[in-house]
PDB file of all heavy atoms in Angstrom:
ATOM      1  N   ALA A   1      37.937   5.410  -6.621  1.00  0.00           N
ATOM      2  CA  ALA A   1      37.769   5.091  -8.028  1.00  0.00           C
ATOM      3  C   ALA A   1      36.293   4.944  -8.396  1.00  0.00           C
ATOM      4  O   ALA A   1      35.868   5.368  -9.472  1.00  0.00           O
ATOM      5  CB  ALA A   1      38.565   3.835  -8.382  1.00  0.00           C
ATOM      6  N   CYS A   2      35.538   4.337  -7.482  1.00  0.00           N
ATOM      7  CA  CYS A   2      34.105   4.136  -7.736  1.00  0.00           C
ATOM      8  C   CYS A   2      33.386   5.474  -7.838  1.00  0.00           C
ATOM      9  O   CYS A   2      32.593   5.682  -8.762  1.00  0.00           O
ATOM     10  CB  CYS A   2      33.525   3.298  -6.603  1.00  0.00           C
ATOM     11  SG  CYS A   2      31.752   2.950  -6.777  1.00  0.00           S
ATOM     12  N   LEU A   3      33.662   6.383  -6.915  1.00  0.00           N
ATOM     13  CA  LEU A   3      33.005   7.683  -6.952  1.00  0.00           C
ATOM     14  C   LEU A   3      33.429   8.484  -8.201  1.00  0.00           C
ATOM     15  O   LEU A   3      32.570   9.102  -8.839  1.00  0.00           O
ATOM     16  CB  LEU A   3      33.367   8.482  -5.698  1.00  0.00           C
ATOM     17  CG  LEU A   3      32.781   9.873  -5.575  1.00  0.00           C
ATOM     18  CD1 LEU A   3      31.250   9.786  -5.565  1.00  0.00           C
ATOM     19  CD2 LEU A   3      33.268  10.565  -4.310  1.00  0.00           C
ATOM     20  N   MET A   4      34.694   8.414  -8.574  1.00  0.00           N
ATOM     21  CA  MET A   4      35.137   9.124  -9.746  1.00  0.00           C
ATOM     22  C   MET A   4      34.546   8.545 -11.011  1.00  0.00           C
ATOM     23  O   MET A   4      34.079   9.288 -11.903  1.00  0.00           O
ATOM     24  CB  MET A   4      36.676   9.081  -9.836  1.00  0.00           C
ATOM     25  CG  MET A   4      37.261   9.833 -11.015  1.00  0.00           C
ATOM     26  SD  MET A   4      36.849  11.581 -11.009  1.00  0.00           S
ATOM     27  CE  MET A   4      37.765  12.099  -9.570  1.00  0.00           C
ATOM     28  N   ALA A   5      34.507   7.213 -11.125  1.00  0.00           N
ATOM     29  CA  ALA A   5      33.956   6.562 -12.319  1.00  0.00           C
ATOM     30  C   ALA A   5      32.479   6.888 -12.459  1.00  0.00           C
ATOM     31  O   ALA A   5      32.004   7.189 -13.560  1.00  0.00           O
ATOM     32  CB  ALA A   5      34.157   5.054 -12.252  1.00  0.00           C
ATOM     33  N   TYR A   6      31.750   6.837 -11.353  1.00  0.00           N
ATOM     34  CA  TYR A   6      30.336   7.174 -11.411  1.00  0.00           C
ATOM     35  C   TYR A   6      30.109   8.641 -11.790  1.00  0.00           C
ATOM     36  O   TYR A   6      29.204   8.960 -12.565  1.00  0.00           O
ATOM     37  CB  TYR A   6      29.617   6.845 -10.111  1.00  0.00           C
ATOM     38  CG  TYR A   6      28.135   7.084 -10.222  1.00  0.00           C
ATOM     39  CD1 TYR A   6      27.307   6.135 -10.821  1.00  0.00           C
ATOM     40  CD2 TYR A   6      27.559   8.255  -9.754  1.00  0.00           C
ATOM     41  CE1 TYR A   6      25.945   6.339 -10.980  1.00  0.00           C
ATOM     42  CE2 TYR A   6      26.182   8.472  -9.884  1.00  0.00           C
ATOM     43  CZ  TYR A   6      25.397   7.519 -10.485  1.00  0.00           C
ATOM     44  OH  TYR A   6      24.036   7.746 -10.643  1.00  0.00           O
ATOM     45  N   SER A   7      30.919   9.526 -11.238  1.00  0.00           N
ATOM     46  CA  SER A   7      30.782  10.967 -11.548  1.00  0.00           C
ATOM     47  C   SER A   7      31.014  11.197 -13.026  1.00  0.00           C
ATOM     48  O   SER A   7      30.281  11.926 -13.675  1.00  0.00           O
ATOM     49  CB  SER A   7      31.766  11.766 -10.711  1.00  0.00           C
ATOM     50  OG  SER A   7      31.494  11.599  -9.331  1.00  0.00           O
ATOM     51  N   LEU A   8      32.048  10.545 -13.592  1.00  0.00           N
ATOM     52  CA  LEU A   8      32.295  10.667 -15.028  1.00  0.00           C
ATOM     53  C   LEU A   8      31.139  10.110 -15.837  1.00  0.00           C
ATOM     54  O   LEU A   8      30.761  10.634 -16.874  1.00  0.00           O
ATOM     55  CB  LEU A   8      33.607   9.949 -15.406  1.00  0.00           C
ATOM     56  CG  LEU A   8      34.880  10.615 -14.904  1.00  0.00           C
ATOM     57  CD1 LEU A   8      36.072   9.710 -15.159  1.00  0.00           C
ATOM     58  CD2 LEU A   8      35.101  11.964 -15.570  1.00  0.00           C
ATOM     59  N   TYR A   9      30.546   8.993 -15.352  1.00  0.00           N
ATOM     60  CA  TYR A   9      29.410   8.392 -16.035  1.00  0.00           C
ATOM     61  C   TYR A   9      28.242   9.341 -16.138  1.00  0.00           C
ATOM     62  O   TYR A   9      27.557   9.404 -17.168  1.00  0.00           O
ATOM     63  CB  TYR A   9      29.020   7.111 -15.272  1.00  0.00           C
ATOM     64  CG  TYR A   9      27.618   6.651 -15.602  1.00  0.00           C
ATOM     65  CD1 TYR A   9      27.370   5.955 -16.800  1.00  0.00           C
ATOM     66  CD2 TYR A   9      26.545   6.907 -14.758  1.00  0.00           C
ATOM     67  CE1 TYR A   9      26.098   5.528 -17.112  1.00  0.00           C
ATOM     68  CE2 TYR A   9      25.273   6.461 -15.054  1.00  0.00           C
ATOM     69  CZ  TYR A   9      25.046   5.777 -16.237  1.00  0.00           C
ATOM     70  OH  TYR A   9      23.787   5.378 -16.544  1.00  0.00           O
ATOM     71  N   THR A  10      28.029  10.144 -15.091  1.00  0.00           N
ATOM     72  CA  THR A  10      26.819  10.992 -15.056  1.00  0.00           C
ATOM     73  C   THR A  10      26.860  12.158 -16.065  1.00  0.00           C
ATOM     74  O   THR A  10      25.814  12.757 -16.346  1.00  0.00           O
ATOM     75  CB  THR A  10      26.604  11.596 -13.665  1.00  0.00           C
ATOM     76  OG1 THR A  10      27.719  12.403 -13.287  1.00  0.00           O
ATOM     77  CG2 THR A  10      26.392  10.495 -12.648  1.00  0.00           C
ATOM     78  N   PHE A  11      28.055  12.495 -16.566  1.00  0.00           N
ATOM     79  CA  PHE A  11      28.078  13.590 -17.566  1.00  0.00           C
ATOM     80  C   PHE A  11      28.916  13.290 -18.786  1.00  0.00           C
ATOM     81  O   PHE A  11      29.066  14.161 -19.656  1.00  0.00           O
ATOM     82  CB  PHE A  11      28.568  14.893 -16.917  1.00  0.00           C
ATOM     83  CG  PHE A  11      29.920  14.833 -16.305  1.00  0.00           C
ATOM     84  CD1 PHE A  11      31.076  14.937 -17.067  1.00  0.00           C
ATOM     85  CD2 PHE A  11      30.051  14.685 -14.911  1.00  0.00           C
ATOM     86  CE1 PHE A  11      32.345  14.883 -16.478  1.00  0.00           C
ATOM     87  CE2 PHE A  11      31.295  14.634 -14.330  1.00  0.00           C
ATOM     88  CZ  PHE A  11      32.439  14.745 -15.085  1.00  0.00           C
ATOM     89  N   ASN A  12      29.438  12.066 -18.907  1.00  0.00           N
ATOM     90  CA  ASN A  12      30.322  11.779 -20.048  1.00  0.00           C
ATOM     91  C   ASN A  12      29.989  10.435 -20.690  1.00  0.00           C
ATOM     92  O   ASN A  12      30.776   9.921 -21.446  1.00  0.00           O
ATOM     93  CB  ASN A  12      31.770  11.776 -19.584  1.00  0.00           C
ATOM     94  CG  ASN A  12      32.727  11.932 -20.756  1.00  0.00           C
ATOM     95  OD1 ASN A  12      32.464  12.648 -21.693  1.00  0.00           O
ATOM     96  ND2 ASN A  12      33.854  11.240 -20.673  1.00  0.00           N
ATOM     97  N   SER A  13      28.811   9.886 -20.432  1.00  0.00           N
ATOM     98  CA  SER A  13      28.469   8.607 -20.990  1.00  0.00           C
ATOM     99  C   SER A  13      27.313   8.768 -21.985  1.00  0.00           C
ATOM    100  O   SER A  13      26.598   9.793 -21.956  1.00  0.00           O
ATOM    101  CB  SER A  13      28.021   7.640 -19.878  1.00  0.00           C
ATOM    102  OG  SER A  13      26.779   8.080 -19.309  1.00  0.00           O
ATOM    103  N   PRO A  14      27.112   7.818 -22.895  1.00  0.00           N
ATOM    104  CA  PRO A  14      25.960   7.878 -23.814  1.00  0.00           C
ATOM    105  C   PRO A  14      24.621   8.008 -23.095  1.00  0.00           C
ATOM    106  O   PRO A  14      23.716   8.680 -23.576  1.00  0.00           O
ATOM    107  CB  PRO A  14      26.071   6.581 -24.596  1.00  0.00           C
ATOM    108  CG  PRO A  14      27.497   6.195 -24.509  1.00  0.00           C
ATOM    109  CD  PRO A  14      27.960   6.643 -23.185  1.00  0.00           C
ATOM    110  N   THR A  15      24.476   7.361 -21.934  1.00  0.00           N
ATOM    111  CA  THR A  15      23.235   7.451 -21.188  1.00  0.00           C
ATOM    112  C   THR A  15      23.008   8.861 -20.693  1.00  0.00           C
ATOM    113  O   THR A  15      21.895   9.397 -20.731  1.00  0.00           O
ATOM    114  CB  THR A  15      23.261   6.494 -19.984  1.00  0.00           C
ATOM    115  OG1 THR A  15      23.401   5.166 -20.451  1.00  0.00           O
ATOM    116  CG2 THR A  15      21.970   6.596 -19.203  1.00  0.00           C
ATOM    117  N   ALA A  16      24.071   9.503 -20.215  1.00  0.00           N
ATOM    118  CA  ALA A  16      23.936  10.866 -19.708  1.00  0.00           C
ATOM    119  C   ALA A  16      23.562  11.817 -20.853  1.00  0.00           C
ATOM    120  O   ALA A  16      22.587  12.571 -20.716  1.00  0.00           O
ATOM    121  CB  ALA A  16      25.269  11.319 -19.060  1.00  0.00           C
ATOM    122  N   GLY A  17      24.296  11.746 -21.963  1.00  0.00           N
ATOM    123  CA  GLY A  17      23.984  12.581 -23.121  1.00  0.00           C
ATOM    124  C   GLY A  17      23.773  14.027 -22.716  1.00  0.00           C
ATOM    125  O   GLY A  17      24.635  14.664 -22.125  1.00  0.00           O
ATOM    126  N   LYS A  18      22.586  14.560 -23.004  1.00  0.00           N
ATOM    127  CA  LYS A  18      22.234  15.916 -22.635  1.00  0.00           C
ATOM    128  C   LYS A  18      21.495  15.957 -21.304  1.00  0.00           C
ATOM    129  O   LYS A  18      20.987  16.993 -20.899  1.00  0.00           O
ATOM    130  CB  LYS A  18      21.398  16.564 -23.703  1.00  0.00           C
ATOM    131  CG  LYS A  18      22.130  16.694 -25.052  1.00  0.00           C
ATOM    132  CD  LYS A  18      21.230  17.337 -26.079  1.00  0.00           C
ATOM    133  CE  LYS A  18      21.942  17.520 -27.417  1.00  0.00           C
ATOM    134  NZ  LYS A  18      21.090  18.149 -28.434  1.00  0.00           N
ATOM    135  N   ARG A  19      21.418  14.821 -20.613  1.00  0.00           N
ATOM    136  CA  ARG A  19      20.667  14.733 -19.362  1.00  0.00           C
ATOM    137  C   ARG A  19      21.580  15.122 -18.210  1.00  0.00           C
ATOM    138  O   ARG A  19      22.018  14.241 -17.398  1.00  0.00           O
ATOM    139  CB  ARG A  19      20.091  13.344 -19.166  1.00  0.00           C
ATOM    140  CG  ARG A  19      19.174  12.945 -20.320  1.00  0.00           C
ATOM    141  CD  ARG A  19      18.726  11.472 -20.199  1.00  0.00           C
ATOM    142  NE  ARG A  19      17.928  11.081 -21.307  1.00  0.00           N
ATOM    143  CZ  ARG A  19      18.412  10.631 -22.469  1.00  0.00           C
ATOM    144  NH1 ARG A  19      19.710  10.515 -22.637  1.00  0.00           N
ATOM    145  NH2 ARG A  19      17.601  10.311 -23.442  1.00  0.00           N
ATOM    146  N   HIS A  20      21.911  16.377 -18.083  1.00  0.00           N
ATOM    147  CA  HIS A  20      22.878  16.813 -17.075  1.00  0.00           C
ATOM    148  C   HIS A  20      22.328  16.656 -15.659  1.00  0.00           C
ATOM    149  O   HIS A  20      23.106  16.666 -14.712  1.00  0.00           O
ATOM    150  CB  HIS A  20      23.266  18.249 -17.316  1.00  0.00           C
ATOM    151  CG  HIS A  20      23.871  18.494 -18.669  1.00  0.00           C
ATOM    152  ND1 HIS A  20      25.019  17.847 -19.070  1.00  0.00           N
ATOM    153  CD2 HIS A  20      23.481  19.269 -19.723  1.00  0.00           C
ATOM    154  CE1 HIS A  20      25.317  18.206 -20.305  1.00  0.00           C
ATOM    155  NE2 HIS A  20      24.424  19.074 -20.709  1.00  0.00           N
ATOM    156  N   TYR A  21      21.012  16.482 -15.509  1.00  0.00           N
ATOM    157  CA  TYR A  21      20.448  16.319 -14.191  1.00  0.00           C
ATOM    158  C   TYR A  21      20.834  14.991 -13.564  1.00  0.00           C
ATOM    159  O   TYR A  21      20.640  14.770 -12.368  1.00  0.00           O
ATOM    160  CB  TYR A  21      18.929  16.454 -14.222  1.00  0.00           C
ATOM    161  CG  TYR A  21      18.439  17.842 -14.498  1.00  0.00           C
ATOM    162  CD1 TYR A  21      17.650  18.120 -15.614  1.00  0.00           C
ATOM    163  CD2 TYR A  21      18.804  18.908 -13.642  1.00  0.00           C
ATOM    164  CE1 TYR A  21      17.209  19.428 -15.858  1.00  0.00           C
ATOM    165  CE2 TYR A  21      18.383  20.191 -13.889  1.00  0.00           C
ATOM    166  CZ  TYR A  21      17.575  20.465 -15.007  1.00  0.00           C
ATOM    167  OH  TYR A  21      17.194  21.729 -15.217  1.00  0.00           O
ATOM    168  N   LEU A  22      21.391  14.077 -14.362  1.00  0.00           N
ATOM    169  CA  LEU A  22      21.853  12.808 -13.816  1.00  0.00           C
ATOM    170  C   LEU A  22      22.960  13.006 -12.766  1.00  0.00           C
ATOM    171  O   LEU A  22      23.128  12.188 -11.882  1.00  0.00           O
ATOM    172  CB  LEU A  22      22.350  11.868 -14.922  1.00  0.00           C
ATOM    173  CG  LEU A  22      22.584  10.419 -14.574  1.00  0.00           C
ATOM    174  CD1 LEU A  22      21.288   9.759 -14.067  1.00  0.00           C
ATOM    175  CD2 LEU A  22      23.125   9.639 -15.784  1.00  0.00           C
ATOM    176  N   MET A  23      23.635  14.145 -12.866  1.00  0.00           N
ATOM    177  CA  MET A  23      24.678  14.479 -11.845  1.00  0.00           C
ATOM    178  C   MET A  23      24.056  14.653 -10.456  1.00  0.00           C
ATOM    179  O   MET A  23      24.777  14.621  -9.468  1.00  0.00           O
ATOM    180  CB  MET A  23      25.441  15.707 -12.271  1.00  0.00           C
ATOM    181  CG  MET A  23      26.399  15.466 -13.465  1.00  0.00           C
ATOM    182  SD  MET A  23      27.417  16.932 -13.822  1.00  0.00           S
ATOM    183  CE  MET A  23      26.175  17.990 -14.598  1.00  0.00           C
ATOM    184  N   ALA A  24      22.765  14.889 -10.413  1.00  0.00           N
ATOM    185  CA  ALA A  24      22.090  15.054  -9.101  1.00  0.00           C
ATOM    186  C   ALA A  24      22.124  13.768  -8.300  1.00  0.00           C
ATOM    187  O   ALA A  24      21.848  13.783  -7.073  1.00  0.00           O
ATOM    188  CB  ALA A  24      20.639  15.495  -9.335  1.00  0.00           C
ATOM    189  N   THR A  25      22.454  12.631  -8.894  1.00  0.00           N
ATOM    190  CA  THR A  25      22.513  11.388  -8.177  1.00  0.00           C
ATOM    191  C   THR A  25      23.866  11.189  -7.472  1.00  0.00           C
ATOM    192  O   THR A  25      24.004  10.297  -6.663  1.00  0.00           O
ATOM    193  CB  THR A  25      22.284  10.172  -9.118  1.00  0.00           C
ATOM    194  OG1 THR A  25      23.311  10.158 -10.133  1.00  0.00           O
ATOM    195  CG2 THR A  25      20.917  10.276  -9.787  1.00  0.00           C
ATOM    196  N   ILE A  26      24.864  12.022  -7.801  1.00  0.00           N
ATOM    197  CA  ILE A  26      26.184  11.848  -7.181  1.00  0.00           C
ATOM    198  C   ILE A  26      26.163  11.940  -5.650  1.00  0.00           C
ATOM    199  O   ILE A  26      26.785  11.124  -4.981  1.00  0.00           O
ATOM    200  CB  ILE A  26      27.195  12.874  -7.779  1.00  0.00           C
ATOM    201  CG1 ILE A  26      27.416  12.564  -9.285  1.00  0.00           C
ATOM    202  CG2 ILE A  26      28.526  12.808  -7.034  1.00  0.00           C
ATOM    203  CD1 ILE A  26      28.319  13.575  -9.959  1.00  0.00           C
ATOM    204  N   PRO A  27      25.447  12.916  -5.071  1.00  0.00           N
ATOM    205  CA  PRO A  27      25.403  12.971  -3.603  1.00  0.00           C
ATOM    206  C   PRO A  27      24.881  11.708  -2.949  1.00  0.00           C
ATOM    207  O   PRO A  27      25.317  11.309  -1.877  1.00  0.00           O
ATOM    208  CB  PRO A  27      24.494  14.163  -3.300  1.00  0.00           C
ATOM    209  CG  PRO A  27      24.607  15.019  -4.532  1.00  0.00           C
ATOM    210  CD  PRO A  27      24.762  14.083  -5.660  1.00  0.00           C
ATOM    211  N   PHE A  28      23.923  11.015  -3.602  1.00  0.00           N
ATOM    212  CA  PHE A  28      23.388   9.771  -3.052  1.00  0.00           C
ATOM    213  C   PHE A  28      24.467   8.680  -3.042  1.00  0.00           C
ATOM    214  O   PHE A  28      24.557   7.907  -2.078  1.00  0.00           O
ATOM    215  CB  PHE A  28      22.177   9.320  -3.833  1.00  0.00           C
ATOM    216  CG  PHE A  28      21.013  10.271  -3.757  1.00  0.00           C
ATOM    217  CD1 PHE A  28      20.664  11.039  -4.862  1.00  0.00           C
ATOM    218  CD2 PHE A  28      20.247  10.398  -2.615  1.00  0.00           C
ATOM    219  CE1 PHE A  28      19.602  11.922  -4.795  1.00  0.00           C
ATOM    220  CE2 PHE A  28      19.196  11.278  -2.535  1.00  0.00           C
ATOM    221  CZ  PHE A  28      18.875  12.048  -3.639  1.00  0.00           C
ATOM    222  N   VAL A  29      25.262   8.640  -4.092  1.00  0.00           N
ATOM    223  CA  VAL A  29      26.351   7.663  -4.152  1.00  0.00           C
ATOM    224  C   VAL A  29      27.379   7.955  -3.101  1.00  0.00           C
ATOM    225  O   VAL A  29      27.851   7.041  -2.385  1.00  0.00           O
ATOM    226  CB  VAL A  29      27.004   7.649  -5.553  1.00  0.00           C
ATOM    227  CG1 VAL A  29      28.203   6.715  -5.593  1.00  0.00           C
ATOM    228  CG2 VAL A  29      25.995   7.210  -6.599  1.00  0.00           C
ATOM    229  N   LEU A  30      27.734   9.231  -2.946  1.00  0.00           N
ATOM    230  CA  LEU A  30      28.701   9.616  -1.946  1.00  0.00           C
ATOM    231  C   LEU A  30      28.216   9.293  -0.522  1.00  0.00           C
ATOM    232  O   LEU A  30      28.981   8.724   0.279  1.00  0.00           O
ATOM    233  CB  LEU A  30      28.979  11.119  -2.035  1.00  0.00           C
ATOM    234  CG  LEU A  30      30.062  11.717  -1.144  1.00  0.00           C
ATOM    235  CD1 LEU A  30      31.392  11.056  -1.378  1.00  0.00           C
ATOM    236  CD2 LEU A  30      30.155  13.221  -1.321  1.00  0.00           C
TER     237      LEU A  30
END
C-alpha cells in the first residue's frame, strides 16, 4: 500500500502537477 500510494502521489497529486520527473524517485522508495 505504501509503494502504491507513493507512486500515485508522484503523478496524481497537486505537488506532482506537471512535474512528471517526480516519478524518478519511485525506485529509491522501492
